[in-house]
Amino acid sequence: MNNAVEIEELLKAEKETGTNGCKWAERVRELMKYRDDHGHCNVPTRQSSFGRWVNNQRTEFKKFGAEKASGMTPQ
């Protein structure tokens, strides 16, 4: 498991990759705040675009784990 410092370093590196990386890093930070506030990362899909984003990340991660086409990377 990555600690907070490692995660922040990964987010900074992702942010430097361009617009999409910057948006992704912002969403991850939003998810971390949600986790801190609620004690979990189970954001309801109806929670506007943020909930849909979280659901999409889960879907992409499952594809990545199954070695299917996905936007996820090992980082």
N, C-alpha and C. Protein backbone atom coordinates (compact mmCIF):
# COMPACT_ATOMS: atom_id res chain seq x y z
N MET A 1 0.85 -1.18 0.00
CA MET A 1 0.00 0.00 0.00
C MET A 1 0.89 1.24 0.00
N ASN A 2 0.52 2.19 -0.79
CA ASN A 2 1.28 3.43 -0.86
C ASN A 2 0.94 4.33 0.32
N ASN A 3 1.96 5.01 0.84
CA ASN A 3 1.68 5.96 1.91
C ASN A 3 1.32 7.31 1.29
N ALA A 4 0.93 8.26 2.10
CA ALA A 4 0.46 9.56 1.62
C ALA A 4 1.52 10.30 0.81
N VAL A 5 2.78 10.19 1.21
CA VAL A 5 3.86 10.87 0.48
C VAL A 5 4.03 10.27 -0.90
N GLU A 6 4.01 8.94 -1.00
CA GLU A 6 4.13 8.29 -2.31
C GLU A 6 2.96 8.64 -3.21
N ILE A 7 1.77 8.67 -2.65
CA ILE A 7 0.59 9.01 -3.43
C ILE A 7 0.70 10.44 -3.95
N GLU A 8 1.12 11.35 -3.11
CA GLU A 8 1.25 12.75 -3.54
C GLU A 8 2.30 12.88 -4.64
N GLU A 9 3.38 12.14 -4.55
CA GLU A 9 4.40 12.17 -5.60
C GLU A 9 3.83 11.65 -6.92
N LEU A 10 3.04 10.57 -6.85
CA LEU A 10 2.40 10.04 -8.05
C LEU A 10 1.42 11.04 -8.65
N LEU A 11 0.66 11.72 -7.79
CA LEU A 11 -0.29 12.71 -8.28
C LEU A 11 0.42 13.90 -8.93
N LYS A 12 1.52 14.33 -8.35
CA LYS A 12 2.29 15.43 -8.95
C LYS A 12 2.82 15.03 -10.31
N ALA A 13 3.32 13.81 -10.43
CA ALA A 13 3.84 13.32 -11.72
C ALA A 13 2.71 13.22 -12.74
N GLU A 14 1.55 12.75 -12.32
CA GLU A 14 0.40 12.64 -13.21
C GLU A 14 -0.06 14.01 -13.66
N LYS A 15 -0.05 14.97 -12.77
CA LYS A 15 -0.47 16.34 -13.08
C LYS A 15 0.40 16.94 -14.18
N GLU A 16 1.67 16.58 -14.19
CA GLU A 16 2.61 17.13 -15.16
C GLU A 16 2.43 16.53 -16.55
N THR A 17 1.63 15.46 -16.68
CA THR A 17 1.45 14.82 -17.98
C THR A 17 0.52 15.61 -18.89
N GLY A 18 -0.19 16.58 -18.35
CA GLY A 18 -1.07 17.40 -19.18
C GLY A 18 -2.43 17.58 -18.56
N THR A 19 -3.36 18.09 -19.36
CA THR A 19 -4.70 18.45 -18.88
C THR A 19 -5.43 17.28 -18.26
N ASN A 20 -5.47 16.14 -18.93
CA ASN A 20 -6.18 14.99 -18.38
C ASN A 20 -5.55 14.51 -17.09
N GLY A 21 -4.23 14.50 -17.02
CA GLY A 21 -3.54 14.10 -15.81
C GLY A 21 -3.84 15.04 -14.67
N CYS A 22 -3.94 16.32 -14.97
CA CYS A 22 -4.23 17.32 -13.96
C CYS A 22 -5.64 17.11 -13.41
N LYS A 23 -6.60 16.88 -14.30
CA LYS A 23 -7.98 16.64 -13.87
C LYS A 23 -8.08 15.36 -13.05
N TRP A 24 -7.36 14.33 -13.50
CA TRP A 24 -7.40 13.05 -12.79
C TRP A 24 -6.83 13.21 -11.38
N ALA A 25 -5.72 13.90 -11.26
CA ALA A 25 -5.10 14.12 -9.95
C ALA A 25 -6.04 14.90 -9.03
N GLU A 26 -6.75 15.89 -9.58
CA GLU A 26 -7.71 16.66 -8.78
C GLU A 26 -8.83 15.76 -8.28
N ARG A 27 -9.32 14.86 -9.14
CA ARG A 27 -10.38 13.94 -8.75
C ARG A 27 -9.91 12.97 -7.66
N VAL A 28 -8.69 12.51 -7.77
CA VAL A 28 -8.15 11.61 -6.75
C VAL A 28 -8.08 12.33 -5.41
N ARG A 29 -7.64 13.56 -5.44
CA ARG A 29 -7.61 14.35 -4.19
C ARG A 29 -9.02 14.53 -3.63
N GLU A 30 -9.99 14.74 -4.52
CA GLU A 30 -11.38 14.87 -4.09
C GLU A 30 -11.86 13.56 -3.45
N LEU A 31 -11.47 12.43 -4.04
CA LEU A 31 -11.83 11.13 -3.47
C LEU A 31 -11.17 10.92 -2.11
N MET A 32 -9.93 11.35 -1.97
CA MET A 32 -9.25 11.22 -0.68
C MET A 32 -9.96 12.06 0.40
N LYS A 33 -10.42 13.26 0.02
CA LYS A 33 -11.17 14.09 0.97
C LYS A 33 -12.49 13.44 1.32
N TYR A 34 -13.17 12.87 0.32
CA TYR A 34 -14.43 12.17 0.57
C TYR A 34 -14.20 11.02 1.56
N ARG A 35 -13.13 10.28 1.34
CA ARG A 35 -12.79 9.17 2.25
C ARG A 35 -12.55 9.67 3.67
N ASP A 36 -11.80 10.76 3.78
CA ASP A 36 -11.53 11.32 5.11
C ASP A 36 -12.82 11.79 5.80
N ASP A 37 -13.73 12.37 5.01
CA ASP A 37 -14.98 12.89 5.57
C ASP A 37 -15.99 11.80 5.90
N HIS A 38 -16.03 10.74 5.09
CA HIS A 38 -17.07 9.71 5.22
C HIS A 38 -16.57 8.37 5.74
N GLY A 39 -15.25 8.16 5.74
CA GLY A 39 -14.70 6.90 6.23
C GLY A 39 -14.71 5.78 5.22
N HIS A 40 -15.07 6.09 3.97
CA HIS A 40 -15.09 5.07 2.90
C HIS A 40 -15.02 5.78 1.55
N CYS A 41 -14.85 4.97 0.50
CA CYS A 41 -14.76 5.51 -0.86
C CYS A 41 -15.95 5.08 -1.71
N ASN A 42 -17.03 4.67 -1.08
CA ASN A 42 -18.21 4.21 -1.81
C ASN A 42 -19.09 5.41 -2.17
N VAL A 43 -18.62 6.19 -3.12
CA VAL A 43 -19.35 7.39 -3.55
C VAL A 43 -20.55 6.94 -4.38
N PRO A 44 -21.75 7.36 -4.02
CA PRO A 44 -22.92 6.98 -4.81
C PRO A 44 -22.81 7.51 -6.24
N THR A 45 -23.20 6.70 -7.19
CA THR A 45 -23.15 7.13 -8.59
C THR A 45 -24.00 8.37 -8.81
N ARG A 46 -25.07 8.50 -8.05
CA ARG A 46 -25.93 9.68 -8.19
C ARG A 46 -25.29 10.94 -7.63
N GLN A 47 -24.09 10.81 -7.06
CA GLN A 47 -23.35 11.93 -6.46
C GLN A 47 -22.76 12.80 -7.58
N SER A 48 -23.56 13.15 -8.56
CA SER A 48 -23.16 13.98 -9.69
C SER A 48 -22.02 13.34 -10.48
N SER A 49 -21.26 14.16 -11.16
CA SER A 49 -20.20 13.64 -12.02
C SER A 49 -19.09 12.96 -11.22
N PHE A 50 -18.93 13.34 -9.97
CA PHE A 50 -17.89 12.73 -9.13
C PHE A 50 -18.17 11.25 -8.90
N GLY A 51 -19.41 10.92 -8.57
CA GLY A 51 -19.78 9.52 -8.36
C GLY A 51 -19.61 8.71 -9.63
N ARG A 52 -19.96 9.29 -10.76
CA ARG A 52 -19.79 8.59 -12.04
C ARG A 52 -18.31 8.40 -12.35
N TRP A 53 -17.48 9.40 -12.01
CA TRP A 53 -16.04 9.27 -12.22
C TRP A 53 -15.48 8.12 -11.40
N VAL A 54 -15.86 8.03 -10.13
CA VAL A 54 -15.38 6.96 -9.26
C VAL A 54 -15.80 5.61 -9.83
N ASN A 55 -17.05 5.50 -10.28
CA ASN A 55 -17.53 4.25 -10.87
C ASN A 55 -16.72 3.90 -12.12
N ASN A 56 -16.43 4.89 -12.93
CA ASN A 56 -15.64 4.65 -14.14
C ASN A 56 -14.23 4.18 -13.79
N GLN A 57 -13.63 4.74 -12.75
CA GLN A 57 -12.29 4.32 -12.34
C GLN A 57 -12.30 2.86 -11.91
N ARG A 58 -13.34 2.46 -11.19
CA ARG A 58 -13.46 1.06 -10.77
C ARG A 58 -13.58 0.14 -11.98
N THR A 59 -14.39 0.55 -12.95
CA THR A 59 -14.57 -0.24 -14.17
C THR A 59 -13.25 -0.39 -14.92
N GLU A 60 -12.53 0.73 -15.08
CA GLU A 60 -11.25 0.70 -15.79
C GLU A 60 -10.22 -0.15 -15.04
N PHE A 61 -10.24 -0.08 -13.72
CA PHE A 61 -9.31 -0.87 -12.92
C PHE A 61 -9.59 -2.36 -13.09
N LYS A 62 -10.85 -2.75 -13.12
CA LYS A 62 -11.20 -4.16 -13.33
C LYS A 62 -10.72 -4.64 -14.70
N LYS A 63 -10.91 -3.80 -15.73
CA LYS A 63 -10.42 -4.14 -17.06
C LYS A 63 -8.91 -4.31 -17.04
N PHE A 64 -8.23 -3.38 -16.39
CA PHE A 64 -6.77 -3.42 -16.30
C PHE A 64 -6.32 -4.72 -15.64
N GLY A 65 -6.98 -5.09 -14.55
CA GLY A 65 -6.64 -6.32 -13.83
C GLY A 65 -6.89 -7.57 -14.64
N ALA A 66 -7.87 -7.49 -15.55
CA ALA A 66 -8.19 -8.63 -16.42
C ALA A 66 -7.39 -8.58 -17.71
N GLU A 67 -6.45 -7.66 -17.79
CA GLU A 67 -5.59 -7.46 -18.96
C GLU A 67 -6.39 -7.17 -20.22
N LYS A 68 -7.49 -6.41 -20.06
CA LYS A 68 -8.27 -5.93 -21.19
C LYS A 68 -7.89 -4.49 -21.47
N ALA A 69 -8.32 -3.97 -22.60
CA ALA A 69 -8.00 -2.59 -22.97
C ALA A 69 -8.55 -1.64 -21.90
N SER A 70 -7.66 -0.79 -21.39
CA SER A 70 -8.03 0.13 -20.31
C SER A 70 -7.12 1.35 -20.34
N GLY A 71 -7.64 2.45 -19.82
CA GLY A 71 -6.83 3.66 -19.71
C GLY A 71 -5.93 3.66 -18.48
N MET A 72 -6.05 2.62 -17.65
CA MET A 72 -5.25 2.52 -16.42
C MET A 72 -3.81 2.14 -16.74
N THR A 73 -2.93 2.59 -15.89
CA THR A 73 -1.52 2.20 -15.97
C THR A 73 -1.11 1.63 -14.62
N PRO A 74 0.02 0.96 -14.53
CA PRO A 74 0.45 0.43 -13.23
C PRO A 74 0.61 1.52 -12.16
N GLN A 75 0.95 2.73 -12.56
CA GLN A 75 1.09 3.81 -11.59
C GLN A 75 -0.25 4.16 -11.02
